[in-house]
Amino acid sequence: MAEITAATVKELRERTGAGMMDCKKALAEANGDMEAAIDWLRAKGLAAAAKKAGRTAAEGLVGVAVEGTRGAVVEVNSETDFVAKNEIFQDFVRNVAQIALKDGSDIEALSSAAYPSGGTVAETLTDNIAKIGENQSLRRAAVVEVKEGVVVPYVHNQVVPGLGKIGVLVALESAAPSETLTALGKQIAMHVAAANPLALNADELDPELVERERAIAMEKAKESGKPQNIVEKMVEGGLGKFRKDNALLSQLFVMDNKTPVADVVAQAAKEAGTGIVLKSFTRFQLGEGIEKKQEDFAAEVAAAAGSSKAEPVA
């Protein structure tokens, strides 16, 4: 067998963009022949997947899965919205949500987990990239659970059951009948999807975010020209509103736009004759936080032609 050196592995990586271990395996399978190793990687879909890895993947699907008192939500991205309608892609998101339900939300562990049809989640994703022809990525996952009660899912802009553009999980802890909790949880989950709270209560808001809002409010208040003591009151008033508007329990319920969510839960507990605690929630919106690459076709053509200035394209 031909000797496989670090230099040949490096060359194969540079030519294909495939991972180091995949390159070593390809060279071993090809007895050190570079071109045969490239063909091996292409046949496995690894070279194609690597070349697509630089493309922005901000579309895709959010998937939810619930079993008993535990729920999971995952986001799997693709380059175009068209892929969200692909059955292979949908099946992958659905299965990954089920795996997260069992194995947890750590992406590294989730990627290494066994996939139902064989191999790992990461290997299946690589195969799917080759089959579908678009870059895809398992971006994030979250798991919520309660000791007693329910975890209620809600999917907004649902493509197929359990898969859509926004996925929400709401955890209610209580000894109340599951039917009562599920009905309440569904309404709160719909509220979360619409209102996008940043934390369960004001104390759990990100301190850095609060300080950023404080600085913005201070700048605005100073422009009013009012005395410092008035400026400080204006800032605190603005921060109080920010906390109220962005904490789930103090937000006004979207169903009537006048009752705080905390009061909605309290009323449901009173009617059920037992305590109900809104324990936690999570909300995934597809592509949030991903900077989408804006394609400039005119600039692309100009660059290809070696021109520094592009004429408008009609």
C-alpha atoms as a PDB file:
ATOM      1  CA  MET A   1       0.000   0.000   0.000  1.00  0.00           C
ATOM      2  CA  ALA A   2       1.297   3.462  -0.885  1.00  0.00           C
ATOM      3  CA  GLU A   3       2.405   5.696   1.974  1.00  0.00           C
ATOM      4  CA  ILE A   4      -0.134   8.354   2.880  1.00  0.00           C
ATOM      5  CA  THR A   5       1.672  11.503   4.008  1.00  0.00           C
ATOM      6  CA  ALA A   6       0.428  14.634   5.696  1.00  0.00           C
ATOM      7  CA  ALA A   7       1.256  16.519   2.498  1.00  0.00           C
ATOM      8  CA  THR A   8      -1.016  14.355   0.344  1.00  0.00           C
ATOM      9  CA  VAL A   9      -3.840  14.618   2.865  1.00  0.00           C
ATOM     10  CA  LYS A  10      -3.384  18.417   2.870  1.00  0.00           C
ATOM     11  CA  GLU A  11      -3.452  18.536  -0.932  1.00  0.00           C
ATOM     12  CA  LEU A  12      -6.618  16.447  -1.086  1.00  0.00           C
ATOM     13  CA  ARG A  13      -8.300  18.689   1.510  1.00  0.00           C
ATOM     14  CA  GLU A  14      -7.381  21.799  -0.483  1.00  0.00           C
ATOM     15  CA  ARG A  15      -8.659  20.315  -3.724  1.00  0.00           C
ATOM     16  CA  THR A  16     -11.939  18.996  -2.361  1.00  0.00           C
ATOM     17  CA  GLY A  17     -12.639  20.866   0.884  1.00  0.00           C
ATOM     18  CA  ALA A  18     -13.469  17.539   2.565  1.00  0.00           C
ATOM     19  CA  GLY A  19     -12.558  16.805   6.199  1.00  0.00           C
ATOM     20  CA  MET A  20      -9.136  15.497   7.201  1.00  0.00           C
ATOM     21  CA  MET A  21     -10.369  12.074   8.320  1.00  0.00           C
ATOM     22  CA  ASP A  22     -12.440  11.687   5.141  1.00  0.00           C
ATOM     23  CA  CYS A  23      -9.370  12.574   3.061  1.00  0.00           C
ATOM     24  CA  LYS A  24      -7.205  10.027   4.879  1.00  0.00           C
ATOM     25  CA  LYS A  25      -9.844   7.364   4.366  1.00  0.00           C
ATOM     26  CA  ALA A  26     -10.226   8.265   0.686  1.00  0.00           C
ATOM     27  CA  LEU A  27      -6.481   8.004   0.094  1.00  0.00           C
ATOM     28  CA  ALA A  28      -6.397   4.666   1.887  1.00  0.00           C
ATOM     29  CA  GLU A  29      -9.275   3.373  -0.235  1.00  0.00           C
ATOM     30  CA  ALA A  30      -7.518   4.636  -3.392  1.00  0.00           C
ATOM     31  CA  ASN A  31      -4.100   3.269  -2.394  1.00  0.00           C
ATOM     32  CA  GLY A  32      -2.672   6.775  -2.389  1.00  0.00           C
ATOM     33  CA  ASP A  33      -3.900   7.727  -5.868  1.00  0.00           C
ATOM     34  CA  MET A  34      -4.957  11.388  -5.677  1.00  0.00           C
ATOM     35  CA  GLU A  35      -7.419  11.383  -8.584  1.00  0.00           C
ATOM     36  CA  ALA A  36      -9.009   8.127  -7.450  1.00  0.00           C
ATOM     37  CA  ALA A  37      -9.331   9.560  -3.935  1.00  0.00           C
ATOM     38  CA  ILE A  38     -11.110  12.620  -5.337  1.00  0.00           C
ATOM     39  CA  ASP A  39     -13.495  10.343  -7.214  1.00  0.00           C
ATOM     40  CA  TRP A  40     -14.100   8.348  -4.019  1.00  0.00           C
ATOM     41  CA  LEU A  41     -14.988  11.514  -2.107  1.00  0.00           C
ATOM     42  CA  ARG A  42     -17.277  12.672  -4.901  1.00  0.00           C
ATOM     43  CA  ALA A  43     -18.997   9.286  -4.985  1.00  0.00           C
ATOM     44  CA  LYS A  44     -19.626   9.527  -1.247  1.00  0.00           C
ATOM     45  CA  GLY A  45     -20.934  13.056  -1.626  1.00  0.00           C
ATOM     46  CA  LEU A  46     -18.240  14.397   0.706  1.00  0.00           C
ATOM     47  CA  ALA A  47     -16.459  16.642  -1.784  1.00  0.00           C
ATOM     48  CA  ALA A  48     -19.750  18.066  -3.031  1.00  0.00           C
ATOM     49  CA  ALA A  49     -20.921  18.704   0.525  1.00  0.00           C
ATOM     50  CA  ALA A  50     -17.697  20.471   1.420  1.00  0.00           C
ATOM     51  CA  LYS A  51     -17.873  22.764  -1.619  1.00  0.00           C
ATOM     52  CA  LYS A  52     -21.415  23.777  -0.638  1.00  0.00           C
ATOM     53  CA  ALA A  53     -20.471  24.435   2.984  1.00  0.00           C
ATOM     54  CA  GLY A  54     -19.601  28.078   2.340  1.00  0.00           C
ATOM     55  CA  ARG A  55     -23.048  28.981   1.081  1.00  0.00           C
ATOM     56  CA  THR A  56     -25.387  30.826   3.399  1.00  0.00           C
ATOM     57  CA  ALA A  57     -28.100  28.523   4.766  1.00  0.00           C
ATOM     58  CA  ALA A  58     -30.817  30.664   6.341  1.00  0.00           C
ATOM     59  CA  GLU A  59     -33.920  28.842   5.134  1.00  0.00           C
ATOM     60  CA  GLY A  60     -35.104  25.368   6.131  1.00  0.00           C
ATOM     61  CA  LEU A  61     -37.386  24.159   8.903  1.00  0.00           C
ATOM     62  CA  VAL A  62     -37.954  24.217  12.635  1.00  0.00           C
ATOM     63  CA  GLY A  63     -39.171  20.898  14.035  1.00  0.00           C
ATOM     64  CA  VAL A  64     -40.779  20.028  17.369  1.00  0.00           C
ATOM     65  CA  ALA A  65     -41.313  16.734  19.160  1.00  0.00           C
ATOM     66  CA  VAL A  66     -43.048  16.071  22.487  1.00  0.00           C
ATOM     67  CA  GLU A  67     -43.418  12.976  24.600  1.00  0.00           C
ATOM     68  CA  GLY A  68     -45.009  13.149  28.036  1.00  0.00           C
ATOM     69  CA  THR A  69     -43.425  15.878  30.125  1.00  0.00           C
ATOM     70  CA  ARG A  70     -40.495  16.497  27.780  1.00  0.00           C
ATOM     71  CA  GLY A  71     -40.246  18.377  24.496  1.00  0.00           C
ATOM     72  CA  ALA A  72     -37.560  19.227  21.950  1.00  0.00           C
ATOM     73  CA  VAL A  73     -37.245  21.813  19.197  1.00  0.00           C
ATOM     74  CA  VAL A  74     -34.563  21.878  16.491  1.00  0.00           C
ATOM     75  CA  GLU A  75     -33.612  24.138  13.598  1.00  0.00           C
ATOM     76  CA  VAL A  76     -32.117  22.694  10.419  1.00  0.00           C
ATOM     77  CA  ASN A  77     -31.145  25.191   7.745  1.00  0.00           C
ATOM     78  CA  SER A  78     -30.947  25.044   3.969  1.00  0.00           C
ATOM     79  CA  GLU A  79     -30.096  27.565   1.269  1.00  0.00           C
ATOM     80  CA  THR A  80     -33.574  27.940  -0.211  1.00  0.00           C
ATOM     81  CA  ASP A  81     -37.148  27.687   0.947  1.00  0.00           C
ATOM     82  CA  PHE A  82     -37.743  25.140  -1.815  1.00  0.00           C
ATOM     83  CA  VAL A  83     -35.823  22.509   0.190  1.00  0.00           C
ATOM     84  CA  ALA A  84     -38.321  22.833   3.052  1.00  0.00           C
ATOM     85  CA  LYS A  85     -40.806  21.062   0.784  1.00  0.00           C
ATOM     86  CA  ASN A  86     -38.419  18.179   0.079  1.00  0.00           C
ATOM     87  CA  GLU A  87     -39.547  14.958   1.794  1.00  0.00           C
ATOM     88  CA  ILE A  88     -35.963  13.835   2.458  1.00  0.00           C
ATOM     89  CA  PHE A  89     -35.247  17.116   4.247  1.00  0.00           C
ATOM     90  CA  GLN A  90     -38.531  17.029   6.171  1.00  0.00           C
ATOM     91  CA  ASP A  91     -37.905  13.467   7.297  1.00  0.00           C
ATOM     92  CA  PHE A  92     -34.438  14.437   8.510  1.00  0.00           C
ATOM     93  CA  VAL A  93     -35.726  17.372  10.594  1.00  0.00           C
ATOM     94  CA  ARG A  94     -38.493  15.197  12.033  1.00  0.00           C
ATOM     95  CA  ASN A  95     -36.045  12.442  13.013  1.00  0.00           C
ATOM     96  CA  VAL A  96     -33.508  14.861  14.499  1.00  0.00           C
ATOM     97  CA  ALA A  97     -36.230  16.372  16.708  1.00  0.00           C
ATOM     98  CA  GLN A  98     -37.056  12.877  17.972  1.00  0.00           C
ATOM     99  CA  ILE A  99     -33.374  12.153  18.625  1.00  0.00           C
ATOM    100  CA  ALA A 100     -32.991  15.451  20.526  1.00  0.00           C
ATOM    101  CA  LEU A 101     -36.017  14.487  22.607  1.00  0.00           C
ATOM    102  CA  LYS A 102     -34.080  11.429  23.771  1.00  0.00           C
ATOM    103  CA  ASP A 103     -30.430  12.532  23.642  1.00  0.00           C
ATOM    104  CA  GLY A 104     -30.609  16.237  24.530  1.00  0.00           C
ATOM    105  CA  SER A 105     -29.798  19.548  22.882  1.00  0.00           C
ATOM    106  CA  ASP A 106     -25.988  19.521  22.651  1.00  0.00           C
ATOM    107  CA  ILE A 107     -25.285  19.926  18.917  1.00  0.00           C
ATOM    108  CA  GLU A 108     -22.000  18.025  18.958  1.00  0.00           C
ATOM    109  CA  ALA A 109     -23.558  15.055  20.731  1.00  0.00           C
ATOM    110  CA  LEU A 110     -26.654  15.282  18.542  1.00  0.00           C
ATOM    111  CA  SER A 111     -24.526  15.227  15.375  1.00  0.00           C
ATOM    112  CA  SER A 112     -22.761  12.106  16.605  1.00  0.00           C
ATOM    113  CA  ALA A 113     -25.981  10.325  17.609  1.00  0.00           C
ATOM    114  CA  ALA A 114     -27.157   7.268  15.699  1.00  0.00           C
ATOM    115  CA  TYR A 115     -29.615   7.954  12.889  1.00  0.00           C
ATOM    116  CA  PRO A 116     -32.585   5.548  12.438  1.00  0.00           C
ATOM    117  CA  SER A 117     -31.570   4.446   8.924  1.00  0.00           C
ATOM    118  CA  GLY A 118     -27.916   3.891   9.847  1.00  0.00           C
ATOM    119  CA  GLY A 119     -24.802   5.969  10.411  1.00  0.00           C
ATOM    120  CA  THR A 120     -24.875   9.168  12.436  1.00  0.00           C
ATOM    121  CA  VAL A 121     -26.911  12.338  12.185  1.00  0.00           C
ATOM    122  CA  ALA A 122     -23.887  14.173  10.734  1.00  0.00           C
ATOM    123  CA  GLU A 123     -23.268  11.471   8.124  1.00  0.00           C
ATOM    124  CA  THR A 124     -26.923  11.496   7.097  1.00  0.00           C
ATOM    125  CA  LEU A 125     -26.819  15.281   6.759  1.00  0.00           C
ATOM    126  CA  THR A 126     -23.769  14.993   4.503  1.00  0.00           C
ATOM    127  CA  ASP A 127     -25.561  12.436   2.343  1.00  0.00           C
ATOM    128  CA  ASN A 128     -28.601  14.715   2.137  1.00  0.00           C
ATOM    129  CA  ILE A 129     -26.454  17.627   0.973  1.00  0.00           C
ATOM    130  CA  ALA A 130     -25.204  15.476  -1.875  1.00  0.00           C
ATOM    131  CA  LYS A 131     -28.690  14.206  -2.741  1.00  0.00           C
ATOM    132  CA  ILE A 132     -30.503  17.548  -2.563  1.00  0.00           C
ATOM    133  CA  GLY A 133     -27.679  19.697  -3.896  1.00  0.00           C
ATOM    134  CA  GLU A 134     -27.791  22.461  -1.298  1.00  0.00           C
ATOM    135  CA  ASN A 135     -25.807  23.320   1.806  1.00  0.00           C
ATOM    136  CA  GLN A 136     -27.650  22.308   4.977  1.00  0.00           C
ATOM    137  CA  SER A 137     -26.769  22.568   8.659  1.00  0.00           C
ATOM    138  CA  LEU A 138     -28.064  21.447  12.016  1.00  0.00           C
ATOM    139  CA  ARG A 139     -27.974  24.834  13.709  1.00  0.00           C
ATOM    140  CA  ARG A 140     -29.437  24.457  17.198  1.00  0.00           C
ATOM    141  CA  ALA A 141     -31.677  22.467  19.505  1.00  0.00           C
ATOM    142  CA  ALA A 142     -33.377  22.941  22.857  1.00  0.00           C
ATOM    143  CA  VAL A 143     -35.147  20.655  25.322  1.00  0.00           C
ATOM    144  CA  VAL A 144     -37.683  21.624  28.006  1.00  0.00           C
ATOM    145  CA  GLU A 145     -39.306  19.389  30.600  1.00  0.00           C
ATOM    146  CA  VAL A 146     -41.272  19.369  33.835  1.00  0.00           C
ATOM    147  CA  LYS A 147     -41.580  16.810  36.612  1.00  0.00           C
ATOM    148  CA  GLU A 148     -45.367  16.943  36.590  1.00  0.00           C
ATOM    149  CA  GLY A 149     -47.604  18.631  34.046  1.00  0.00           C
ATOM    150  CA  VAL A 150     -47.277  19.073  30.291  1.00  0.00           C
ATOM    151  CA  VAL A 151     -45.014  20.422  27.589  1.00  0.00           C
ATOM    152  CA  VAL A 152     -47.140  21.907  24.811  1.00  0.00           C
ATOM    153  CA  PRO A 153     -45.816  22.461  21.269  1.00  0.00           C
ATOM    154  CA  TYR A 154     -46.972  24.953  18.678  1.00  0.00           C
ATOM    155  CA  VAL A 155     -45.720  25.393  15.118  1.00  0.00           C
ATOM    156  CA  HIS A 156     -46.466  28.588  13.216  1.00  0.00           C
ATOM    157  CA  ASN A 157     -46.460  28.651   9.399  1.00  0.00           C
ATOM    158  CA  GLN A 158     -46.631  24.870   9.499  1.00  0.00           C
ATOM    159  CA  VAL A 159     -45.466  23.099   6.338  1.00  0.00           C
ATOM    160  CA  VAL A 160     -46.379  19.616   7.553  1.00  0.00           C
ATOM    161  CA  PRO A 161     -47.345  18.478  11.087  1.00  0.00           C
ATOM    162  CA  GLY A 162     -44.577  19.342  13.536  1.00  0.00           C
ATOM    163  CA  LEU A 163     -42.476  21.290  11.019  1.00  0.00           C
ATOM    164  CA  GLY A 164     -42.647  24.983  10.145  1.00  0.00           C
ATOM    165  CA  LYS A 165     -41.080  28.439  10.393  1.00  0.00           C
ATOM    166  CA  ILE A 166     -41.546  29.090  14.131  1.00  0.00           C
ATOM    167  CA  GLY A 167     -41.500  26.387  16.798  1.00  0.00           C
ATOM    168  CA  VAL A 168     -42.558  26.997  20.397  1.00  0.00           C
ATOM    169  CA  LEU A 169     -42.536  24.808  23.496  1.00  0.00           C
ATOM    170  CA  VAL A 170     -44.325  25.830  26.706  1.00  0.00           C
ATOM    171  CA  ALA A 171     -43.804  23.912  29.956  1.00  0.00           C
ATOM    172  CA  LEU A 172     -46.579  24.031  32.579  1.00  0.00           C
ATOM    173  CA  GLU A 173     -46.022  22.385  35.949  1.00  0.00           C
ATOM    174  CA  SER A 174     -49.226  21.336  37.716  1.00  0.00           C
ATOM    175  CA  ALA A 175     -51.384  18.473  38.944  1.00  0.00           C
ATOM    176  CA  ALA A 176     -54.329  19.842  36.952  1.00  0.00           C
ATOM    177  CA  PRO A 177     -55.887  17.613  34.252  1.00  0.00           C
ATOM    178  CA  SER A 178     -53.712  17.376  31.140  1.00  0.00           C
ATOM    179  CA  GLU A 179     -56.617  18.581  28.965  1.00  0.00           C
ATOM    180  CA  THR A 180     -56.823  21.817  30.953  1.00  0.00           C
ATOM    181  CA  LEU A 181     -53.066  22.351  30.833  1.00  0.00           C
ATOM    182  CA  THR A 182     -52.826  21.544  27.140  1.00  0.00           C
ATOM    183  CA  ALA A 183     -55.540  24.060  26.246  1.00  0.00           C
ATOM    184  CA  LEU A 184     -53.835  26.762  28.326  1.00  0.00           C
ATOM    185  CA  GLY A 185     -50.399  25.830  27.013  1.00  0.00           C
ATOM    186  CA  LYS A 186     -51.562  26.048  23.402  1.00  0.00           C
ATOM    187  CA  GLN A 187     -52.840  29.601  23.896  1.00  0.00           C
ATOM    188  CA  ILE A 188     -49.640  30.680  25.657  1.00  0.00           C
ATOM    189  CA  ALA A 189     -47.525  29.038  22.946  1.00  0.00           C
ATOM    190  CA  MET A 190     -49.431  30.966  20.288  1.00  0.00           C
ATOM    191  CA  HIS A 191     -48.835  34.136  22.311  1.00  0.00           C
ATOM    192  CA  VAL A 192     -45.085  33.353  22.463  1.00  0.00           C
ATOM    193  CA  ALA A 193     -44.976  32.837  18.709  1.00  0.00           C
ATOM    194  CA  ALA A 194     -46.629  36.228  18.131  1.00  0.00           C
ATOM    195  CA  ALA A 195     -45.109  38.351  20.912  1.00  0.00           C
ATOM    196  CA  ASN A 196     -41.574  36.901  20.968  1.00  0.00           C
ATOM    197  CA  PRO A 197     -40.770  37.416  24.672  1.00  0.00           C
ATOM    198  CA  LEU A 198     -37.066  37.485  25.528  1.00  0.00           C
ATOM    199  CA  ALA A 199     -37.365  35.871  28.969  1.00  0.00           C
ATOM    200  CA  LEU A 200     -39.899  34.327  31.318  1.00  0.00           C
ATOM    201  CA  ASN A 201     -39.746  37.251  33.755  1.00  0.00           C
ATOM    202  CA  ALA A 202     -37.947  40.597  34.024  1.00  0.00           C
ATOM    203  CA  ASP A 203     -35.215  39.228  36.310  1.00  0.00           C
ATOM    204  CA  GLU A 204     -34.173  36.736  33.633  1.00  0.00           C
ATOM    205  CA  LEU A 205     -33.632  39.313  30.883  1.00  0.00           C
ATOM    206  CA  ASP A 206     -30.059  39.413  29.591  1.00  0.00           C
ATOM    207  CA  PRO A 207     -28.210  42.029  31.697  1.00  0.00           C
ATOM    208  CA  GLU A 208     -26.149  43.136  28.676  1.00  0.00           C
ATOM    209  CA  LEU A 209     -29.331  43.719  26.700  1.00  0.00           C
ATOM    210  CA  VAL A 210     -30.834  45.744  29.565  1.00  0.00           C
ATOM    211  CA  GLU A 211     -27.700  47.885  29.819  1.00  0.00           C
ATOM    212  CA  ARG A 212     -27.771  48.468  26.077  1.00  0.00           C
ATOM    213  CA  GLU A 213     -31.373  49.659  26.364  1.00  0.00           C
ATOM    214  CA  ARG A 214     -30.371  51.863  29.291  1.00  0.00           C
ATOM    215  CA  ALA A 215     -27.661  53.548  27.196  1.00  0.00           C
ATOM    216  CA  ILE A 216     -30.092  54.134  24.328  1.00  0.00           C
ATOM    217  CA  ALA A 217     -32.739  55.526  26.690  1.00  0.00           C
ATOM    218  CA  MET A 218     -30.149  57.800  28.323  1.00  0.00           C
ATOM    219  CA  GLU A 219     -29.105  59.275  24.976  1.00  0.00           C
ATOM    220  CA  LYS A 220     -32.715  59.943  24.022  1.00  0.00           C
ATOM    221  CA  ALA A 221     -33.530  61.468  27.417  1.00  0.00           C
ATOM    222  CA  LYS A 222     -30.497  63.782  27.330  1.00  0.00           C
ATOM    223  CA  GLU A 223     -31.655  65.187  24.001  1.00  0.00           C
ATOM    224  CA  SER A 224     -34.794  66.459  25.759  1.00  0.00           C
ATOM    225  CA  GLY A 225     -32.711  69.086  27.551  1.00  0.00           C
ATOM    226  CA  LYS A 226     -34.420  68.371  30.875  1.00  0.00           C
ATOM    227  CA  PRO A 227     -32.608  68.415  34.267  1.00  0.00           C
ATOM    228  CA  GLN A 228     -30.539  65.341  35.240  1.00  0.00           C
ATOM    229  CA  ASN A 229     -33.010  64.146  37.877  1.00  0.00           C
ATOM    230  CA  ILE A 230     -35.806  64.178  35.286  1.00  0.00           C
ATOM    231  CA  VAL A 231     -33.562  62.449  32.742  1.00  0.00           C
ATOM    232  CA  GLU A 232     -32.886  59.638  35.223  1.00  0.00           C
ATOM    233  CA  LYS A 233     -36.607  59.190  35.851  1.00  0.00           C
ATOM    234  CA  MET A 234     -37.244  59.084  32.109  1.00  0.00           C
ATOM    235  CA  VAL A 235     -34.573  56.401  31.712  1.00  0.00           C
ATOM    236  CA  GLU A 236     -35.955  54.251  34.508  1.00  0.00           C
ATOM    237  CA  GLY A 237     -39.447  54.627  33.093  1.00  0.00           C
ATOM    238  CA  GLY A 238     -38.243  53.529  29.680  1.00  0.00           C
ATOM    239  CA  LEU A 239     -36.409  50.524  31.164  1.00  0.00           C
ATOM    240  CA  GLY A 240     -39.480  49.551  33.146  1.00  0.00           C
ATOM    241  CA  LYS A 241     -41.525  49.488  29.958  1.00  0.00           C
ATOM    242  CA  PHE A 242     -38.814  47.481  28.175  1.00  0.00           C
ATOM    243  CA  ARG A 243     -38.803  44.859  30.935  1.00  0.00           C
ATOM    244  CA  LYS A 244     -42.590  44.650  30.980  1.00  0.00           C
ATOM    245  CA  ASP A 245     -42.874  44.379  27.206  1.00  0.00           C
ATOM    246  CA  ASN A 246     -40.217  41.670  26.843  1.00  0.00           C
ATOM    247  CA  ALA A 247     -40.888  39.359  29.814  1.00  0.00           C
ATOM    248  CA  LEU A 248     -43.509  36.708  29.059  1.00  0.00           C
ATOM    249  CA  LEU A 249     -45.326  36.838  32.402  1.00  0.00           C
ATOM    250  CA  SER A 250     -45.852  40.602  32.243  1.00  0.00           C
ATOM    251  CA  GLN A 251     -46.743  40.825  28.545  1.00  0.00           C
ATOM    252  CA  LEU A 252     -50.358  41.535  27.678  1.00  0.00           C
ATOM    253  CA  PHE A 253     -52.003  38.356  26.439  1.00  0.00           C
ATOM    254  CA  VAL A 254     -52.457  38.552  22.662  1.00  0.00           C
ATOM    255  CA  MET A 255     -55.895  36.950  22.923  1.00  0.00           C
ATOM    256  CA  ASP A 256     -57.383  40.057  24.605  1.00  0.00           C
ATOM    257  CA  ASN A 257     -54.470  42.538  24.650  1.00  0.00           C
ATOM    258  CA  LYS A 258     -55.268  43.658  28.192  1.00  0.00           C
ATOM    259  CA  THR A 259     -54.568  40.799  30.648  1.00  0.00           C
ATOM    260  CA  PRO A 260     -50.973  40.037  31.719  1.00  0.00           C
ATOM    261  CA  VAL A 261     -49.981  36.445  30.962  1.00  0.00           C
ATOM    262  CA  ALA A 262     -49.297  35.884  34.674  1.00  0.00           C
ATOM    263  CA  ASP A 263     -52.941  36.720  35.408  1.00  0.00           C
ATOM    264  CA  VAL A 264     -54.126  34.371  32.665  1.00  0.00           C
ATOM    265  CA  VAL A 265     -52.213  31.519  34.328  1.00  0.00           C
ATOM    266  CA  ALA A 266     -53.517  32.508  37.772  1.00  0.00           C
ATOM    267  CA  GLN A 267     -57.120  32.511  36.523  1.00  0.00           C
ATOM    268  CA  ALA A 268     -56.652  29.074  34.937  1.00  0.00           C
ATOM    269  CA  ALA A 269     -55.264  27.767  38.234  1.00  0.00           C
ATOM    270  CA  LYS A 270     -58.228  29.190  40.129  1.00  0.00           C
ATOM    271  CA  GLU A 271     -60.665  27.489  37.761  1.00  0.00           C
ATOM    272  CA  ALA A 272     -58.758  24.204  37.954  1.00  0.00           C
ATOM    273  CA  GLY A 273     -58.640  24.323  41.744  1.00  0.00           C
ATOM    274  CA  THR A 274     -54.886  23.696  41.857  1.00  0.00           C
ATOM    275  CA  GLY A 275     -51.657  25.548  41.279  1.00  0.00           C
ATOM    276  CA  ILE A 276     -50.276  26.032  37.783  1.00  0.00           C
ATOM    277  CA  VAL A 277     -46.736  27.279  37.202  1.00  0.00           C
ATOM    278  CA  LEU A 278     -45.547  28.510  33.834  1.00  0.00           C
ATOM    279  CA  LYS A 279     -42.139  26.911  34.252  1.00  0.00           C
ATOM    280  CA  SER A 280     -40.358  27.709  31.006  1.00  0.00           C
ATOM    281  CA  PHE A 281     -40.662  28.250  27.278  1.00  0.00           C
ATOM    282  CA  THR A 282     -38.494  28.240  24.195  1.00  0.00           C
ATOM    283  CA  ARG A 283     -39.064  29.797  20.782  1.00  0.00           C
ATOM    284  CA  PHE A 284     -37.125  29.112  17.586  1.00  0.00           C
ATOM    285  CA  GLN A 285     -37.739  31.280  14.557  1.00  0.00           C
ATOM    286  CA  LEU A 286     -36.196  30.046  11.348  1.00  0.00           C
ATOM    287  CA  GLY A 287     -33.069  31.931  10.349  1.00  0.00           C
ATOM    288  CA  GLU A 288     -33.122  34.480  13.187  1.00  0.00           C
ATOM    289  CA  GLY A 289     -29.663  35.908  13.714  1.00  0.00           C
ATOM    290  CA  ILE A 290     -28.297  34.584  10.415  1.00  0.00           C
ATOM    291  CA  GLU A 291     -27.002  37.279   8.110  1.00  0.00           C
ATOM    292  CA  LYS A 292     -28.261  36.433   4.647  1.00  0.00           C
ATOM    293  CA  LYS A 293     -25.842  37.067   1.831  1.00  0.00           C
ATOM    294  CA  GLN A 294     -27.190  39.625  -0.604  1.00  0.00           C
ATOM    295  CA  GLU A 295     -26.317  38.620  -4.138  1.00  0.00           C
ATOM    296  CA  ASP A 296     -25.286  41.455  -6.450  1.00  0.00           C
ATOM    297  CA  PHE A 297     -25.555  39.990  -9.934  1.00  0.00           C
ATOM    298  CA  ALA A 298     -24.173  43.083 -11.650  1.00  0.00           C
ATOM    299  CA  ALA A 299     -21.105  43.108  -9.416  1.00  0.00           C
ATOM    300  CA  GLU A 300     -20.633  39.380  -9.935  1.00  0.00           C
ATOM    301  CA  VAL A 301     -20.649  39.792 -13.719  1.00  0.00           C
ATOM    302  CA  ALA A 302     -18.280  42.747 -13.481  1.00  0.00           C
ATOM    303  CA  ALA A 303     -15.878  40.800 -11.298  1.00  0.00           C
ATOM    304  CA  ALA A 304     -15.922  37.893 -13.709  1.00  0.00           C
ATOM    305  CA  ALA A 305     -15.150  40.258 -16.587  1.00  0.00           C
ATOM    306  CA  GLY A 306     -12.346  41.920 -14.651  1.00  0.00           C
ATOM    307  CA  SER A 307     -14.111  45.271 -14.553  1.00  0.00           C
ATOM    308  CA  SER A 308     -14.037  47.500 -11.482  1.00  0.00           C
ATOM    309  CA  LYS A 309     -17.347  49.112 -12.347  1.00  0.00           C
ATOM    310  CA  ALA A 310     -20.569  47.326 -13.210  1.00  0.00           C
ATOM    311  CA  GLU A 311     -23.203  48.707 -15.483  1.00  0.00           C
ATOM    312  CA  PRO A 312     -26.806  48.209 -14.284  1.00  0.00           C
ATOM    313  CA  VAL A 313     -28.430  45.001 -15.449  1.00  0.00           C
ATOM    314  CA  ALA A 314     -31.883  45.525 -16.917  1.00  0.00           C
END
